Amino acid sequence: MIKLRESALSKFKRTRSASDWLNYKELRNFVTGSLRREKKAFLNRRAKGGGRDLWRALNSLNIGGGSGFEIPMNLRDPNGINRHFSSVFTPKGNCSVAADFYRSHKFNDDLHFSLSLSTEDECSSSRVDFSMPRINREPRWGSPYQKLHYKWYPMGALEERTCCSSARGAGSSPSNMTIFNTGCQTIERY
């Protein structure tokens, strides 16, 4: 098969015709697939014979190595390696040069960014309600489409409630509503 493939390639190189190229490609793909199938069948036959035969076949392919890996002498002392890398990456000298460079190359010096804490009153004045569709993978009642409802409330205690809203309307089947306390705001999900 391989000789036939090689002769098809040499014929294509001589003639440069499209039909010879297609013939070569078909033979090339056929030979490649045949070799892969045969390698797989060989290893499967060896594996059925037992573990010893399989490892003997794998070792004969020179994958890995028969002998153990030896660590070089200069890499056997982990503390010495640690000392070397610690000495290389320790900042030496004055780091203010880099800080001065950074300060002098900022784009807008007048713009200052800062975060401040919100008070409870500020949080209680903002309340957001939103909902999004949810697909129930195991519909037990009604439509598989349900809504997840989220509400943001001011600071409150963690609790669980029961809610009866689904695509069919109230009263179909209860689902748990969980309230998450996120510092200043409370988010409930049901």
Protein backbone atom coordinates (compact mmCIF):
# COMPACT_ATOMS: atom_id res chain seq x y z
CA MET A 1 0.00 0.00 0.00
CA ILE A 2 2.75 2.43 0.92
CA LYS A 3 4.61 1.73 -2.35
CA LEU A 4 1.40 2.35 -4.27
CA ARG A 5 0.92 5.66 -2.45
CA GLU A 6 4.52 6.73 -3.16
CA SER A 7 4.19 5.84 -6.84
CA ALA A 8 0.98 7.90 -7.04
CA LEU A 9 2.84 10.86 -5.51
CA SER A 10 5.72 10.58 -7.97
CA LYS A 11 3.23 10.33 -10.87
CA PHE A 12 1.49 13.50 -9.66
CA LYS A 13 4.84 15.32 -9.42
CA ARG A 14 5.60 14.36 -13.02
CA THR A 15 2.20 15.18 -14.57
CA ARG A 16 0.76 17.84 -12.21
CA SER A 17 -2.76 16.80 -13.19
CA ALA A 18 -5.80 17.15 -10.94
CA SER A 19 -6.84 13.52 -11.41
CA ASP A 20 -3.41 12.29 -10.26
CA TRP A 21 -3.62 14.59 -7.23
CA LEU A 22 -7.05 13.19 -6.29
CA ASN A 23 -5.74 9.63 -6.75
CA TYR A 24 -2.76 10.38 -4.48
CA LYS A 25 -4.97 12.00 -1.81
CA GLU A 26 -7.29 8.99 -1.72
CA LEU A 27 -4.36 6.58 -1.39
CA ARG A 28 -2.69 8.77 1.25
CA ASN A 29 -5.85 8.93 3.38
CA PHE A 30 -6.46 5.20 2.95
CA VAL A 31 -2.91 4.30 4.03
CA THR A 32 -3.00 6.69 7.01
CA GLY A 33 -6.33 5.30 8.22
CA SER A 34 -5.14 1.71 7.72
CA LEU A 35 -2.00 2.32 9.77
CA ARG A 36 -3.97 3.92 12.60
CA ARG A 37 -6.52 1.09 12.66
CA GLU A 38 -3.78 -1.52 12.65
CA LYS A 39 -1.89 0.15 15.53
CA LYS A 40 -5.10 0.31 17.55
CA ALA A 41 -5.91 -3.35 16.81
CA PHE A 42 -2.36 -4.38 17.78
CA LEU A 43 -2.56 -2.65 21.17
CA ASN A 44 -6.08 -4.00 21.78
CA ARG A 45 -4.87 -7.56 21.08
CA ARG A 46 -1.96 -7.04 23.48
CA ALA A 47 -4.24 -5.58 26.15
CA LYS A 48 -6.54 -8.61 26.01
CA GLY A 49 -3.57 -10.87 26.68
CA GLY A 50 -2.93 -9.27 30.07
CA GLY A 51 -1.16 -6.32 31.65
CA ARG A 52 2.32 -7.77 31.29
CA ASP A 53 2.04 -8.07 27.49
CA LEU A 54 0.57 -4.57 27.21
CA TRP A 55 3.41 -2.98 29.18
CA ARG A 56 5.97 -4.96 27.19
CA ALA A 57 4.42 -3.65 23.95
CA LEU A 58 4.29 -0.06 25.24
CA ASN A 59 7.90 -0.21 26.43
CA SER A 60 8.97 -1.55 23.04
CA LEU A 61 7.59 1.65 21.48
CA ASN A 62 10.17 3.66 23.51
CA ILE A 63 7.54 5.86 25.11
CA GLY A 64 8.98 7.17 28.34
CA GLY A 65 12.09 5.35 29.35
CA GLY A 66 13.13 2.17 31.06
CA SER A 67 15.42 3.86 33.59
CA GLY A 68 14.43 6.33 36.27
CA PHE A 69 15.08 10.03 35.86
CA GLU A 70 18.09 11.36 37.74
CA ILE A 71 17.99 14.88 39.15
CA PRO A 72 21.18 16.81 38.27
CA MET A 73 23.53 17.58 41.15
CA ASN A 74 23.00 21.35 40.96
CA LEU A 75 19.22 20.90 41.41
CA ARG A 76 19.28 18.52 44.38
CA ASP A 77 19.41 21.26 47.05
CA PRO A 78 15.96 22.92 47.23
CA ASN A 79 17.10 25.45 49.85
CA GLY A 80 19.92 26.62 47.59
CA ILE A 81 17.49 27.09 44.70
CA ASN A 82 15.14 29.03 46.99
CA ARG A 83 17.98 31.29 48.19
CA HIS A 84 18.98 32.00 44.59
CA PHE A 85 15.48 33.00 43.43
CA SER A 86 14.83 34.98 46.61
CA SER A 87 18.00 36.99 46.05
CA VAL A 88 17.18 37.62 42.38
CA PHE A 89 13.66 38.93 42.93
CA THR A 90 14.27 40.95 46.10
CA PRO A 91 14.07 44.67 45.32
CA LYS A 92 17.46 46.27 45.73
CA GLY A 93 17.91 49.97 46.10
CA ASN A 94 15.30 52.71 46.21
CA CYS A 95 11.88 51.97 44.69
CA SER A 96 10.84 55.62 44.79
CA VAL A 97 12.20 56.09 41.26
CA ALA A 98 9.50 53.79 39.88
CA ALA A 99 6.84 55.48 42.01
CA ASP A 100 7.94 58.93 40.81
CA PHE A 101 7.85 57.72 37.21
CA TYR A 102 4.31 56.42 37.70
CA ARG A 103 3.13 59.67 39.31
CA SER A 104 4.64 61.79 36.54
CA HIS A 105 3.13 59.71 33.72
CA LYS A 106 -0.50 59.54 34.87
CA PHE A 107 -2.99 60.74 32.27
CA ASN A 108 -5.22 62.97 34.40
CA ASP A 109 -3.84 64.18 37.71
CA ASP A 110 -6.97 66.16 38.61
CA LEU A 111 -9.19 63.09 38.57
CA HIS A 112 -9.23 61.35 41.94
CA PHE A 113 -11.12 58.12 42.54
CA SER A 114 -12.33 57.09 45.96
CA LEU A 115 -14.95 54.83 47.48
CA SER A 116 -17.10 55.73 50.44
CA LEU A 117 -19.40 53.69 52.65
CA SER A 118 -23.16 54.03 52.21
CA THR A 119 -25.47 54.67 55.09
CA GLU A 120 -28.58 52.63 55.84
CA ASP A 121 -30.79 55.56 54.87
CA GLU A 122 -29.17 55.80 51.43
CA CYS A 123 -29.69 52.09 50.88
CA SER A 124 -33.27 52.08 52.12
CA SER A 125 -34.20 54.82 49.66
CA SER A 126 -33.20 52.64 46.69
CA ARG A 127 -35.32 49.58 45.90
CA VAL A 128 -35.06 47.71 42.61
CA ASP A 129 -37.40 44.92 41.42
CA PHE A 130 -36.57 42.78 38.42
CA SER A 131 -37.33 39.29 37.15
CA MET A 132 -35.90 36.96 34.55
CA PRO A 133 -37.15 33.74 32.92
CA ARG A 134 -35.92 30.41 34.22
CA ILE A 135 -36.24 27.02 32.56
CA ASN A 136 -37.19 24.31 35.01
CA ARG A 137 -35.41 21.13 33.90
CA GLU A 138 -37.86 18.84 35.70
CA PRO A 139 -41.30 20.40 35.36
CA ARG A 140 -43.50 19.13 38.19
CA TRP A 141 -46.40 21.43 37.51
CA GLY A 142 -47.58 23.67 34.71
CA SER A 143 -45.24 25.14 32.16
CA PRO A 144 -41.51 24.44 32.33
CA TYR A 145 -40.95 28.21 32.16
CA GLN A 146 -40.94 29.92 35.51
CA LYS A 147 -39.76 33.31 36.62
CA LEU A 148 -37.01 34.04 39.10
CA HIS A 149 -37.93 37.19 40.98
CA TYR A 150 -35.32 39.33 42.67
CA LYS A 151 -35.99 42.26 44.99
CA TRP A 152 -33.45 44.44 46.71
CA TYR A 153 -34.42 45.53 50.20
CA PRO A 154 -32.72 47.50 52.92
CA MET A 155 -30.78 45.67 55.62
CA GLY A 156 -32.82 42.76 56.95
CA ALA A 157 -32.54 39.38 58.58
CA LEU A 158 -31.84 36.23 56.64
CA GLU A 159 -35.00 34.18 56.30
CA GLU A 160 -36.82 31.80 54.02
CA ARG A 161 -40.36 32.35 52.84
CA THR A 162 -42.76 30.44 50.63
CA CYS A 163 -43.87 31.91 47.35
CA CYS A 164 -46.52 30.54 45.01
CA SER A 165 -45.72 32.21 41.71
CA SER A 166 -45.10 30.31 38.51
CA ALA A 167 -46.04 30.62 34.87
CA ARG A 168 -49.56 29.32 35.69
CA GLY A 169 -50.19 31.90 38.36
CA ALA A 170 -50.51 31.98 42.11
CA GLY A 171 -51.52 28.88 43.98
CA SER A 172 -50.00 26.29 41.64
CA SER A 173 -47.19 24.93 43.80
CA PRO A 174 -44.94 26.52 46.42
CA SER A 175 -41.27 27.17 45.88
CA ASN A 176 -38.82 28.44 48.47
CA MET A 177 -37.84 32.07 48.48
CA THR A 178 -34.41 32.75 49.92
CA ILE A 179 -33.26 36.12 51.16
CA PHE A 180 -29.55 36.90 50.94
CA ASN A 181 -28.11 39.62 53.12
CA THR A 182 -25.36 41.51 51.29
CA GLY A 183 -24.18 44.02 53.82
CA CYS A 184 -26.27 47.11 53.26
CA GLN A 185 -28.76 45.50 50.90
CA THR A 186 -30.80 42.34 51.05
CA ILE A 187 -31.54 40.39 47.88
CA GLU A 188 -34.33 37.87 47.86
CA ARG A 189 -34.61 35.15 45.26
CA TYR A 190 -37.73 33.07 44.78
